[in-house]
Every structure is written in structure tokens, then in C-alpha cells.
Amino acid sequence: MSKEQFKEFVKTKPELADYVANNKMTWQKFYELYDMYGEDETIWRKYSGVKNSGKKISDYMEKFDPDSLQKHIENAQKALDIFSELATKTTENINNNIKPNIARPLTKFFGD
């Protein structure tokens, strides 16, 4: 098997990069497996995570609480409303405190 074929194979299995990034495997070891077994799915199944991903999703769905999610959404909405109200008040205060620029006569000083 050539390196170019291995590179093309790795492009179809991006999860292998996670194993390398987490120092669980090296590219050299993956290449050796590829060289010995080729693209045989039985070898690559344990690195693909396909088998476990269905279980992980079901675990998340079992722990999912729609009421808790609704409360978090409501809290986020309240925070956004408060922020929006503060931003509006600040803008109004800035607009109300701006005084027109009236030129003073050059002969008039401080409290004259």
C-alpha cells in the first residue's frame, strides 16, 4: 500500500486524527495497520467510533430534561431583555445629555 493511498483513506476517516491528537496512537502505527489489513472495516471499526456513537446519543437522550432546558431558555431570555433595556436607557441618557455646541465670543472669559 502506498502513502498516497493511506492519505486518501485517512481523509475518509477523520476520527483517526483524534487518536493521534490525544496521543493514543501514532500515524506510523495507523499506517502499519493499513499496510497489513488494508481498508478492512473490522480493523477500523474500533477507531471509527460508529459503534459507540449510537450509544452515546441514546445516553444523552435518557438524561435530557425538557423542563430544565425550558428554564435555561427563559433565564437567557430574561438576561437578554435586561441587557436590551440597559442599552436602550444608556442610549437615551447619552442623547439627552448632549448639549448643543454654542460658540462663545472670543472676548468672554470663564465667568464674565
PDB file of N, CA and C in Angstrom:
ATOM      1  N   MET A   1       0.845  -1.180   0.000  1.00  0.00           N
ATOM      2  CA  MET A   1       0.000   0.000   0.000  1.00  0.00           C
ATOM      3  C   MET A   1       0.891   1.245   0.000  1.00  0.00           C
ATOM      4  N   SER A   2       0.500   2.222  -0.787  1.00  0.00           N
ATOM      5  CA  SER A   2       1.325   3.427  -0.878  1.00  0.00           C
ATOM      6  C   SER A   2       0.879   4.473   0.140  1.00  0.00           C
ATOM      7  N   LYS A   3       1.760   5.438   0.356  1.00  0.00           N
ATOM      8  CA  LYS A   3       1.440   6.528   1.282  1.00  0.00           C
ATOM      9  C   LYS A   3       0.278   7.361   0.766  1.00  0.00           C
ATOM     10  N   GLU A   4       0.208   7.529  -0.535  1.00  0.00           N
ATOM     11  CA  GLU A   4      -0.878   8.321  -1.122  1.00  0.00           C
ATOM     12  C   GLU A   4      -2.230   7.644  -0.898  1.00  0.00           C
ATOM     13  N   GLN A   5      -2.259   6.308  -1.033  1.00  0.00           N
ATOM     14  CA  GLN A   5      -3.496   5.573  -0.769  1.00  0.00           C
ATOM     15  C   GLN A   5      -3.883   5.703   0.703  1.00  0.00           C
ATOM     16  N   PHE A   6      -2.892   5.659   1.590  1.00  0.00           N
ATOM     17  CA  PHE A   6      -3.149   5.819   3.025  1.00  0.00           C
ATOM     18  C   PHE A   6      -3.703   7.216   3.314  1.00  0.00           C
ATOM     19  N   LYS A   7      -3.129   8.217   2.690  1.00  0.00           N
ATOM     20  CA  LYS A   7      -3.618   9.595   2.896  1.00  0.00           C
ATOM     21  C   LYS A   7      -5.065   9.733   2.447  1.00  0.00           C
ATOM     22  N   GLU A   8      -5.394   9.129   1.308  1.00  0.00           N
ATOM     23  CA  GLU A   8      -6.778   9.172   0.828  1.00  0.00           C
ATOM     24  C   GLU A   8      -7.713   8.433   1.778  1.00  0.00           C
ATOM     25  N   PHE A   9      -7.247   7.317   2.315  1.00  0.00           N
ATOM     26  CA  PHE A   9      -8.040   6.549   3.273  1.00  0.00           C
ATOM     27  C   PHE A   9      -8.287   7.363   4.539  1.00  0.00           C
ATOM     28  N   VAL A  10      -7.250   8.040   5.034  1.00  0.00           N
ATOM     29  CA  VAL A  10      -7.376   8.846   6.260  1.00  0.00           C
ATOM     30  C   VAL A  10      -8.376   9.980   6.058  1.00  0.00           C
ATOM     31  N   LYS A  11      -8.450  10.512   4.859  1.00  0.00           N
ATOM     32  CA  LYS A  11      -9.425  11.578   4.581  1.00  0.00           C
ATOM     33  C   LYS A  11     -10.859  11.086   4.775  1.00  0.00           C
ATOM     34  N   THR A  12     -11.076   9.788   4.571  1.00  0.00           N
ATOM     35  CA  THR A  12     -12.415   9.231   4.767  1.00  0.00           C
ATOM     36  C   THR A  12     -12.678   8.882   6.236  1.00  0.00           C
ATOM     37  N   LYS A  13     -11.628   8.883   7.051  1.00  0.00           N
ATOM     38  CA  LYS A  13     -11.743   8.543   8.478  1.00  0.00           C
ATOM     39  C   LYS A  13     -11.123   9.662   9.326  1.00  0.00           C
ATOM     40  N   PRO A  14     -11.762  10.820   9.414  1.00  0.00           N
ATOM     41  CA  PRO A  14     -11.180  11.942  10.165  1.00  0.00           C
ATOM     42  C   PRO A  14     -11.064  11.672  11.663  1.00  0.00           C
ATOM     43  N   GLU A  15     -11.774  10.685  12.186  1.00  0.00           N
ATOM     44  CA  GLU A  15     -11.708  10.378  13.610  1.00  0.00           C
ATOM     45  C   GLU A  15     -10.345   9.809  14.008  1.00  0.00           C
ATOM     46  N   LEU A  16      -9.572   9.329  13.038  1.00  0.00           N
ATOM     47  CA  LEU A  16      -8.227   8.831  13.340  1.00  0.00           C
ATOM     48  C   LEU A  16      -7.329   9.958  13.840  1.00  0.00           C
ATOM     49  N   ALA A  17      -7.562  11.150  13.346  1.00  0.00           N
ATOM     50  CA  ALA A  17      -6.766  12.308  13.781  1.00  0.00           C
ATOM     51  C   ALA A  17      -6.960  12.582  15.269  1.00  0.00           C
ATOM     52  N   ASP A  18      -8.141  12.281  15.797  1.00  0.00           N
ATOM     53  CA  ASP A  18      -8.386  12.470  17.235  1.00  0.00           C
ATOM     54  C   ASP A  18      -7.513  11.541  18.068  1.00  0.00           C
ATOM     55  N   TYR A  19      -7.347  10.306  17.599  1.00  0.00           N
ATOM     56  CA  TYR A  19      -6.487   9.360  18.316  1.00  0.00           C
ATOM     57  C   TYR A  19      -5.043   9.848  18.331  1.00  0.00           C
ATOM     58  N   VAL A  20      -4.605  10.413  17.225  1.00  0.00           N
ATOM     59  CA  VAL A  20      -3.235  10.925  17.152  1.00  0.00           C
ATOM     60  C   VAL A  20      -3.095  12.165  18.026  1.00  0.00           C
ATOM     61  N   ALA A  21      -4.081  13.041  17.986  1.00  0.00           N
ATOM     62  CA  ALA A  21      -4.025  14.274  18.782  1.00  0.00           C
ATOM     63  C   ALA A  21      -4.045  13.972  20.277  1.00  0.00           C
ATOM     64  N   ASN A  22      -4.742  12.918  20.690  1.00  0.00           N
ATOM     65  CA  ASN A  22      -4.814  12.545  22.109  1.00  0.00           C
ATOM     66  C   ASN A  22      -3.689  11.603  22.538  1.00  0.00           C
ATOM     67  N   ASN A  23      -2.721  11.396  21.640  1.00  0.00           N
ATOM     68  CA  ASN A  23      -1.565  10.525  21.908  1.00  0.00           C
ATOM     69  C   ASN A  23      -1.953   9.083  22.230  1.00  0.00           C
ATOM     70  N   LYS A  24      -3.058   8.620  21.677  1.00  0.00           N
ATOM     71  CA  LYS A  24      -3.458   7.229  21.871  1.00  0.00           C
ATOM     72  C   LYS A  24      -2.862   6.334  20.786  1.00  0.00           C
ATOM     73  N   MET A  25      -2.573   6.921  19.626  1.00  0.00           N
ATOM     74  CA  MET A  25      -1.971   6.203  18.508  1.00  0.00           C
ATOM     75  C   MET A  25      -1.061   7.178  17.765  1.00  0.00           C
ATOM     76  N   THR A  26      -0.240   6.624  16.890  1.00  0.00           N
ATOM     77  CA  THR A  26       0.592   7.463  16.032  1.00  0.00           C
ATOM     78  C   THR A  26       0.214   7.193  14.584  1.00  0.00           C
ATOM     79  N   TRP A  27       0.584   8.129  13.724  1.00  0.00           N
ATOM     80  CA  TRP A  27       0.310   7.915  12.310  1.00  0.00           C
ATOM     81  C   TRP A  27       1.075   6.701  11.798  1.00  0.00           C
ATOM     82  N   GLN A  28       2.263   6.473  12.358  1.00  0.00           N
ATOM     83  CA  GLN A  28       3.060   5.311  11.951  1.00  0.00           C
ATOM     84  C   GLN A  28       2.325   4.000  12.252  1.00  0.00           C
ATOM     85  N   LYS A  29       1.740   3.912  13.444  1.00  0.00           N
ATOM     86  CA  LYS A  29       1.002   2.691  13.804  1.00  0.00           C
ATOM     87  C   LYS A  29      -0.234   2.514  12.924  1.00  0.00           C
ATOM     88  N   PHE A  30      -0.927   3.637  12.644  1.00  0.00           N
ATOM     89  CA  PHE A  30      -2.076   3.541  11.747  1.00  0.00           C
ATOM     90  C   PHE A  30      -1.635   3.094  10.352  1.00  0.00           C
ATOM     91  N   TYR A  31      -0.511   3.617   9.898  1.00  0.00           N
ATOM     92  CA  TYR A  31      -0.017   3.214   8.581  1.00  0.00           C
ATOM     93  C   TYR A  31       0.326   1.723   8.555  1.00  0.00           C
ATOM     94  N   GLU A  32       0.929   1.245   9.635  1.00  0.00           N
ATOM     95  CA  GLU A  32       1.262  -0.180   9.695  1.00  0.00           C
ATOM     96  C   GLU A  32       0.007  -1.049   9.667  1.00  0.00           C
ATOM     97  N   LEU A  33      -1.020  -0.631  10.383  1.00  0.00           N
ATOM     98  CA  LEU A  33      -2.298  -1.361  10.328  1.00  0.00           C
ATOM     99  C   LEU A  33      -2.874  -1.337   8.921  1.00  0.00           C
ATOM    100  N   TYR A  34      -2.795  -0.175   8.306  1.00  0.00           N
ATOM    101  CA  TYR A  34      -3.313  -0.039   6.938  1.00  0.00           C
ATOM    102  C   TYR A  34      -2.523  -0.918   5.972  1.00  0.00           C
ATOM    103  N   ASP A  35      -1.204  -0.955   6.177  1.00  0.00           N
ATOM    104  CA  ASP A  35      -0.349  -1.755   5.318  1.00  0.00           C
ATOM    105  C   ASP A  35      -0.660  -3.242   5.461  1.00  0.00           C
ATOM    106  N   MET A  36      -0.954  -3.697   6.701  1.00  0.00           N
ATOM    107  CA  MET A  36      -1.242  -5.117   6.929  1.00  0.00           C
ATOM    108  C   MET A  36      -2.658  -5.507   6.521  1.00  0.00           C
ATOM    109  N   TYR A  37      -3.649  -4.697   6.894  1.00  0.00           N
ATOM    110  CA  TYR A  37      -5.048  -5.092   6.722  1.00  0.00           C
ATOM    111  C   TYR A  37      -5.788  -4.354   5.616  1.00  0.00           C
ATOM    112  N   GLY A  38      -5.215  -3.282   5.137  1.00  0.00           N
ATOM    113  CA  GLY A  38      -5.894  -2.509   4.095  1.00  0.00           C
ATOM    114  C   GLY A  38      -7.082  -1.759   4.674  1.00  0.00           C
ATOM    115  N   GLU A  39      -8.144  -1.680   3.900  1.00  0.00           N
ATOM    116  CA  GLU A  39      -9.330  -0.922   4.325  1.00  0.00           C
ATOM    117  C   GLU A  39     -10.403  -1.823   4.931  1.00  0.00           C
ATOM    118  N   ASP A  40     -10.016  -2.959   5.451  1.00  0.00           N
ATOM    119  CA  ASP A  40     -10.937  -3.906   6.074  1.00  0.00           C
ATOM    120  C   ASP A  40     -11.654  -3.228   7.247  1.00  0.00           C
ATOM    121  N   GLU A  41     -12.969  -3.154   7.182  1.00  0.00           N
ATOM    122  CA  GLU A  41     -13.758  -2.429   8.181  1.00  0.00           C
ATOM    123  C   GLU A  41     -13.664  -3.030   9.584  1.00  0.00           C
ATOM    124  N   THR A  42     -13.415  -4.326   9.695  1.00  0.00           N
ATOM    125  CA  THR A  42     -13.362  -4.932  11.028  1.00  0.00           C
ATOM    126  C   THR A  42     -12.200  -4.377  11.846  1.00  0.00           C
ATOM    127  N   ILE A  43     -11.109  -4.034  11.198  1.00  0.00           N
ATOM    128  CA  ILE A  43      -9.946  -3.465  11.898  1.00  0.00           C
ATOM    129  C   ILE A  43     -10.221  -2.022  12.302  1.00  0.00           C
ATOM    130  N   TRP A  44     -10.835  -1.250  11.413  1.00  0.00           N
ATOM    131  CA  TRP A  44     -11.004   0.199  11.635  1.00  0.00           C
ATOM    132  C   TRP A  44     -12.241   0.535  12.445  1.00  0.00           C
ATOM    133  N   ARG A  45     -13.107  -0.450  12.678  1.00  0.00           N
ATOM    134  CA  ARG A  45     -14.346  -0.187  13.402  1.00  0.00           C
ATOM    135  C   ARG A  45     -14.087   0.346  14.811  1.00  0.00           C
ATOM    136  N   LYS A  46     -13.078  -0.213  15.488  1.00  0.00           N
ATOM    137  CA  LYS A  46     -12.835   0.237  16.869  1.00  0.00           C
ATOM    138  C   LYS A  46     -12.274   1.651  16.924  1.00  0.00           C
ATOM    139  N   TYR A  47     -11.725   2.156  15.825  1.00  0.00           N
ATOM    140  CA  TYR A  47     -11.212   3.526  15.788  1.00  0.00           C
ATOM    141  C   TYR A  47     -12.229   4.505  15.226  1.00  0.00           C
ATOM    142  N   SER A  48     -13.258   4.000  14.590  1.00  0.00           N
ATOM    143  CA  SER A  48     -14.216   4.900  13.941  1.00  0.00           C
ATOM    144  C   SER A  48     -15.217   5.486  14.917  1.00  0.00           C
ATOM    145  N   GLY A  49     -15.525   4.794  15.999  1.00  0.00           N
ATOM    146  CA  GLY A  49     -16.477   5.322  16.963  1.00  0.00           C
ATOM    147  C   GLY A  49     -17.924   5.167  16.526  1.00  0.00           C
ATOM    148  N   VAL A  50     -18.172   4.564  15.384  1.00  0.00           N
ATOM    149  CA  VAL A  50     -19.546   4.394  14.897  1.00  0.00           C
ATOM    150  C   VAL A  50     -20.338   3.530  15.860  1.00  0.00           C
ATOM    151  N   LYS A  51     -19.707   2.492  16.354  1.00  0.00           N
ATOM    152  CA  LYS A  51     -20.383   1.568  17.248  1.00  0.00           C
ATOM    153  C   LYS A  51     -20.803   2.268  18.539  1.00  0.00           C
ATOM    154  N   ASN A  52     -19.960   3.140  19.069  1.00  0.00           N
ATOM    155  CA  ASN A  52     -20.229   3.802  20.338  1.00  0.00           C
ATOM    156  C   ASN A  52     -21.063   5.063  20.202  1.00  0.00           C
ATOM    157  N   SER A  53     -21.051   5.702  19.020  1.00  0.00           N
ATOM    158  CA  SER A  53     -21.740   6.979  18.895  1.00  0.00           C
ATOM    159  C   SER A  53     -23.249   6.829  19.081  1.00  0.00           C
ATOM    160  N   GLY A  54     -23.834   5.711  18.617  1.00  0.00           N
ATOM    161  CA  GLY A  54     -25.264   5.485  18.814  1.00  0.00           C
ATOM    162  C   GLY A  54     -25.597   5.362  20.284  1.00  0.00           C
ATOM    163  N   LYS A  55     -24.750   4.696  21.024  1.00  0.00           N
ATOM    164  CA  LYS A  55     -24.953   4.537  22.459  1.00  0.00           C
ATOM    165  C   LYS A  55     -24.820   5.871  23.175  1.00  0.00           C
ATOM    166  N   LYS A  56     -23.852   6.675  22.783  1.00  0.00           N
ATOM    167  CA  LYS A  56     -23.660   7.981  23.415  1.00  0.00           C
ATOM    168  C   LYS A  56     -24.868   8.877  23.195  1.00  0.00           C
ATOM    169  N   ILE A  57     -25.417   8.862  21.997  1.00  0.00           N
ATOM    170  CA  ILE A  57     -26.591   9.684  21.717  1.00  0.00           C
ATOM    171  C   ILE A  57     -27.765   9.225  22.568  1.00  0.00           C
ATOM    172  N   SER A  58     -27.938   7.925  22.684  1.00  0.00           N
ATOM    173  CA  SER A  58     -29.053   7.430  23.498  1.00  0.00           C
ATOM    174  C   SER A  58     -28.843   7.771  24.972  1.00  0.00           C
ATOM    175  N   ASP A  59     -27.581   7.757  25.433  1.00  0.00           N
ATOM    176  CA  ASP A  59     -27.302   8.164  26.821  1.00  0.00           C
ATOM    177  C   ASP A  59     -27.693   9.616  27.049  1.00  0.00           C
ATOM    178  N   TYR A  60     -27.362  10.467  26.090  1.00  0.00           N
ATOM    179  CA  TYR A  60     -27.729  11.872  26.225  1.00  0.00           C
ATOM    180  C   TYR A  60     -29.247  12.046  26.224  1.00  0.00           C
ATOM    181  N   MET A  61     -29.923  11.293  25.389  1.00  0.00           N
ATOM    182  CA  MET A  61     -31.370  11.424  25.307  1.00  0.00           C
ATOM    183  C   MET A  61     -32.043  10.941  26.591  1.00  0.00           C
ATOM    184  N   GLU A  62     -31.466   9.940  27.251  1.00  0.00           N
ATOM    185  CA  GLU A  62     -32.030   9.479  28.520  1.00  0.00           C
ATOM    186  C   GLU A  62     -31.898  10.545  29.603  1.00  0.00           C
ATOM    187  N   LYS A  63     -30.797  11.273  29.566  1.00  0.00           N
ATOM    188  CA  LYS A  63     -30.537  12.299  30.577  1.00  0.00           C
ATOM    189  C   LYS A  63     -31.175  13.641  30.231  1.00  0.00           C
ATOM    190  N   PHE A  64     -31.731  13.759  29.050  1.00  0.00           N
ATOM    191  CA  PHE A  64     -32.310  15.018  28.585  1.00  0.00           C
ATOM    192  C   PHE A  64     -33.563  15.363  29.380  1.00  0.00           C
ATOM    193  N   ASP A  65     -33.609  16.582  29.906  1.00  0.00           N
ATOM    194  CA  ASP A  65     -34.761  17.056  30.670  1.00  0.00           C
ATOM    195  C   ASP A  65     -35.324  18.293  29.979  1.00  0.00           C
ATOM    196  N   PRO A  66     -36.456  18.169  29.285  1.00  0.00           N
ATOM    197  CA  PRO A  66     -37.005  19.309  28.552  1.00  0.00           C
ATOM    198  C   PRO A  66     -37.397  20.474  29.469  1.00  0.00           C
ATOM    199  N   ASP A  67     -37.823  20.189  30.701  1.00  0.00           N
ATOM    200  CA  ASP A  67     -38.195  21.264  31.625  1.00  0.00           C
ATOM    201  C   ASP A  67     -36.970  22.092  32.002  1.00  0.00           C
ATOM    202  N   SER A  68     -35.860  21.424  32.233  1.00  0.00           N
ATOM    203  CA  SER A  68     -34.621  22.120  32.562  1.00  0.00           C
ATOM    204  C   SER A  68     -34.173  22.986  31.389  1.00  0.00           C
ATOM    205  N   LEU A  69     -34.274  22.449  30.185  1.00  0.00           N
ATOM    206  CA  LEU A  69     -33.909  23.218  29.001  1.00  0.00           C
ATOM    207  C   LEU A  69     -34.791  24.455  28.871  1.00  0.00           C
ATOM    208  N   GLN A  70     -36.083  24.308  29.125  1.00  0.00           N
ATOM    209  CA  GLN A  70     -37.007  25.430  29.038  1.00  0.00           C
ATOM    210  C   GLN A  70     -36.637  26.508  30.053  1.00  0.00           C
ATOM    211  N   LYS A  71     -36.267  26.097  31.275  1.00  0.00           N
ATOM    212  CA  LYS A  71     -35.868  27.066  32.302  1.00  0.00           C
ATOM    213  C   LYS A  71     -34.618  27.822  31.880  1.00  0.00           C
ATOM    214  N   HIS A  72     -33.660  27.122  31.290  1.00  0.00           N
ATOM    215  CA  HIS A  72     -32.440  27.782  30.829  1.00  0.00           C
ATOM    216  C   HIS A  72     -32.744  28.777  29.714  1.00  0.00           C
ATOM    217  N   ILE A  73     -33.644  28.409  28.828  1.00  0.00           N
ATOM    218  CA  ILE A  73     -34.020  29.318  27.744  1.00  0.00           C
ATOM    219  C   ILE A  73     -34.707  30.558  28.305  1.00  0.00           C
ATOM    220  N   GLU A  74     -35.583  30.371  29.272  1.00  0.00           N
ATOM    221  CA  GLU A  74     -36.272  31.505  29.887  1.00  0.00           C
ATOM    222  C   GLU A  74     -35.286  32.422  30.602  1.00  0.00           C
ATOM    223  N   ASN A  75     -34.319  31.846  31.326  1.00  0.00           N
ATOM    224  CA  ASN A  75     -33.315  32.654  32.009  1.00  0.00           C
ATOM    225  C   ASN A  75     -32.461  33.440  31.016  1.00  0.00           C
ATOM    226  N   ALA A  76     -32.110  32.810  29.922  1.00  0.00           N
ATOM    227  CA  ALA A  76     -31.328  33.503  28.896  1.00  0.00           C
ATOM    228  C   ALA A  76     -32.148  34.637  28.288  1.00  0.00           C
ATOM    229  N   GLN A  77     -33.438  34.404  28.075  1.00  0.00           N
ATOM    230  CA  GLN A  77     -34.300  35.440  27.516  1.00  0.00           C
ATOM    231  C   GLN A  77     -34.411  36.624  28.472  1.00  0.00           C
ATOM    232  N   LYS A  78     -34.541  36.343  29.765  1.00  0.00           N
ATOM    233  CA  LYS A  78     -34.605  37.417  30.761  1.00  0.00           C
ATOM    234  C   LYS A  78     -33.319  38.234  30.753  1.00  0.00           C
ATOM    235  N   ALA A  79     -32.181  37.556  30.691  1.00  0.00           N
ATOM    236  CA  ALA A  79     -30.893  38.257  30.666  1.00  0.00           C
ATOM    237  C   ALA A  79     -30.779  39.138  29.422  1.00  0.00           C
ATOM    238  N   LEU A  80     -31.239  38.629  28.286  1.00  0.00           N
ATOM    239  CA  LEU A  80     -31.207  39.423  27.061  1.00  0.00           C
ATOM    240  C   LEU A  80     -32.139  40.626  27.149  1.00  0.00           C
ATOM    241  N   ASP A  81     -33.298  40.448  27.752  1.00  0.00           N
ATOM    242  CA  ASP A  81     -34.231  41.559  27.930  1.00  0.00           C
ATOM    243  C   ASP A  81     -33.632  42.651  28.818  1.00  0.00           C
ATOM    244  N   ILE A  82     -32.994  42.243  29.919  1.00  0.00           N
ATOM    245  CA  ILE A  82     -32.362  43.212  30.828  1.00  0.00           C
ATOM    246  C   ILE A  82     -31.250  43.950  30.098  1.00  0.00           C
ATOM    247  N   PHE A  83     -30.432  43.230  29.372  1.00  0.00           N
ATOM    248  CA  PHE A  83     -29.340  43.853  28.626  1.00  0.00           C
ATOM    249  C   PHE A  83     -29.883  44.848  27.603  1.00  0.00           C
ATOM    250  N   SER A  84     -30.926  44.459  26.893  1.00  0.00           N
ATOM    251  CA  SER A  84     -31.531  45.332  25.893  1.00  0.00           C
ATOM    252  C   SER A  84     -32.090  46.597  26.539  1.00  0.00           C
ATOM    253  N   GLU A  85     -32.751  46.429  27.702  1.00  0.00           N
ATOM    254  CA  GLU A  85     -33.307  47.587  28.413  1.00  0.00           C
ATOM    255  C   GLU A  85     -32.206  48.537  28.872  1.00  0.00           C
ATOM    256  N   LEU A  86     -31.119  47.978  29.408  1.00  0.00           N
ATOM    257  CA  LEU A  86     -29.996  48.819  29.838  1.00  0.00           C
ATOM    258  C   LEU A  86     -29.359  49.548  28.662  1.00  0.00           C
ATOM    259  N   ALA A  87     -29.219  48.886  27.561  1.00  0.00           N
ATOM    260  CA  ALA A  87     -28.626  49.508  26.379  1.00  0.00           C
ATOM    261  C   ALA A  87     -29.506  50.645  25.879  1.00  0.00           C
ATOM    262  N   THR A  88     -30.828  50.443  25.905  1.00  0.00           N
ATOM    263  CA  THR A  88     -31.751  51.483  25.458  1.00  0.00           C
ATOM    264  C   THR A  88     -31.680  52.685  26.388  1.00  0.00           C
ATOM    265  N   LYS A  89     -31.686  52.469  27.705  1.00  0.00           N
ATOM    266  CA  LYS A  89     -31.615  53.568  28.671  1.00  0.00           C
ATOM    267  C   LYS A  89     -30.302  54.324  28.531  1.00  0.00           C
ATOM    268  N   THR A  90     -29.203  53.610  28.333  1.00  0.00           N
ATOM    269  CA  THR A  90     -27.913  54.266  28.175  1.00  0.00           C
ATOM    270  C   THR A  90     -27.906  55.141  26.935  1.00  0.00           C
ATOM    271  N   THR A  91     -28.472  54.642  25.856  1.00  0.00           N
ATOM    272  CA  THR A  91     -28.537  55.425  24.624  1.00  0.00           C
ATOM    273  C   THR A  91     -29.396  56.665  24.819  1.00  0.00           C
ATOM    274  N   GLU A  92     -30.527  56.531  25.516  1.00  0.00           N
ATOM    275  CA  GLU A  92     -31.394  57.675  25.784  1.00  0.00           C
ATOM    276  C   GLU A  92     -30.678  58.709  26.642  1.00  0.00           C
ATOM    277  N   ASN A  93     -29.966  58.249  27.677  1.00  0.00           N
ATOM    278  CA  ASN A  93     -29.236  59.170  28.546  1.00  0.00           C
ATOM    279  C   ASN A  93     -28.148  59.911  27.784  1.00  0.00           C
ATOM    280  N   ILE A  94     -27.460  59.231  26.920  1.00  0.00           N
ATOM    281  CA  ILE A  94     -26.418  59.885  26.137  1.00  0.00           C
ATOM    282  C   ILE A  94     -27.028  60.927  25.216  1.00  0.00           C
ATOM    283  N   ASN A  95     -28.132  60.574  24.575  1.00  0.00           N
ATOM    284  CA  ASN A  95     -28.777  61.517  23.661  1.00  0.00           C
ATOM    285  C   ASN A  95     -29.342  62.731  24.400  1.00  0.00           C
ATOM    286  N   ASN A  96     -29.847  62.527  25.623  1.00  0.00           N
ATOM    287  CA  ASN A  96     -30.435  63.634  26.377  1.00  0.00           C
ATOM    288  C   ASN A  96     -29.380  64.545  26.987  1.00  0.00           C
ATOM    289  N   ASN A  97     -28.208  64.071  27.258  1.00  0.00           N
ATOM    290  CA  ASN A  97     -27.169  64.863  27.907  1.00  0.00           C
ATOM    291  C   ASN A  97     -26.285  65.626  26.943  1.00  0.00           C
ATOM    292  N   ILE A  98     -26.457  65.429  25.677  1.00  0.00           N
ATOM    293  CA  ILE A  98     -25.643  66.165  24.707  1.00  0.00           C
ATOM    294  C   ILE A  98     -26.232  67.552  24.548  1.00  0.00           C
ATOM    295  N   LYS A  99     -25.396  68.543  24.824  1.00  0.00           N
ATOM    296  CA  LYS A  99     -25.836  69.935  24.694  1.00  0.00           C
ATOM    297  C   LYS A  99     -25.307  70.476  23.380  1.00  0.00           C
ATOM    298  N   PRO A 100     -26.060  71.349  22.772  1.00  0.00           N
ATOM    299  CA  PRO A 100     -25.593  71.911  21.505  1.00  0.00           C
ATOM    300  C   PRO A 100     -24.315  72.726  21.727  1.00  0.00           C
ATOM    301  N   ASN A 101     -23.458  72.722  20.766  1.00  0.00           N
ATOM    302  CA  ASN A 101     -22.207  73.446  20.846  1.00  0.00           C
ATOM    303  C   ASN A 101     -22.453  74.896  20.440  1.00  0.00           C
ATOM    304  N   ILE A 102     -22.466  75.799  21.440  1.00  0.00           N
ATOM    305  CA  ILE A 102     -22.691  77.213  21.180  1.00  0.00           C
ATOM    306  C   ILE A 102     -21.343  77.911  21.303  1.00  0.00           C
ATOM    307  N   ALA A 103     -20.957  78.564  20.261  1.00  0.00           N
ATOM    308  CA  ALA A 103     -19.657  79.221  20.266  1.00  0.00           C
ATOM    309  C   ALA A 103     -19.694  80.423  21.209  1.00  0.00           C
ATOM    310  N   ARG A 104     -18.687  80.536  22.046  1.00  0.00           N
ATOM    311  CA  ARG A 104     -18.568  81.692  22.941  1.00  0.00           C
ATOM    312  C   ARG A 104     -17.819  82.802  22.216  1.00  0.00           C
ATOM    313  N   PRO A 105     -18.169  84.001  22.517  1.00  0.00           N
ATOM    314  CA  PRO A 105     -17.415  85.111  21.921  1.00  0.00           C
ATOM    315  C   PRO A 105     -15.972  85.077  22.425  1.00  0.00           C
ATOM    316  N   LEU A 106     -15.040  85.459  21.606  1.00  0.00           N
ATOM    317  CA  LEU A 106     -13.632  85.408  21.972  1.00  0.00           C
ATOM    318  C   LEU A 106     -13.302  86.362  23.124  1.00  0.00           C
ATOM    319  N   THR A 107     -14.119  87.378  23.319  1.00  0.00           N
ATOM    320  CA  THR A 107     -13.837  88.338  24.381  1.00  0.00           C
ATOM    321  C   THR A 107     -14.395  87.937  25.716  1.00  0.00           C
ATOM    322  N   LYS A 108     -15.163  86.875  25.765  1.00  0.00           N
ATOM    323  CA  LYS A 108     -15.786  86.442  27.019  1.00  0.00           C
ATOM    324  C   LYS A 108     -14.947  85.335  27.627  1.00  0.00           C
ATOM    325  N   PHE A 109     -14.543  85.522  28.894  1.00  0.00           N
ATOM    326  CA  PHE A 109     -13.734  84.536  29.589  1.00  0.00           C
ATOM    327  C   PHE A 109     -14.521  83.955  30.737  1.00  0.00           C
ATOM    328  N   PHE A 110     -14.264  82.739  31.092  1.00  0.00           N
ATOM    329  CA  PHE A 110     -14.847  81.954  32.172  1.00  0.00           C
ATOM    330  C   PHE A 110     -16.188  82.468  32.667  1.00  0.00           C
ATOM    331  N   GLY A 111     -16.196  83.252  33.735  1.00  0.00           N
ATOM    332  CA  GLY A 111     -17.465  83.658  34.332  1.00  0.00           C
ATOM    333  C   GLY A 111     -17.895  85.055  33.947  1.00  0.00           C
ATOM    334  N   ASP A 112     -17.302  85.676  32.946  1.00  0.00           N
ATOM    335  CA  ASP A 112     -17.661  87.056  32.564  1.00  0.00           C
ATOM    336  C   ASP A 112     -19.083  87.153  32.130  1.00  0.00           C
TER     337      ASP A 112
END
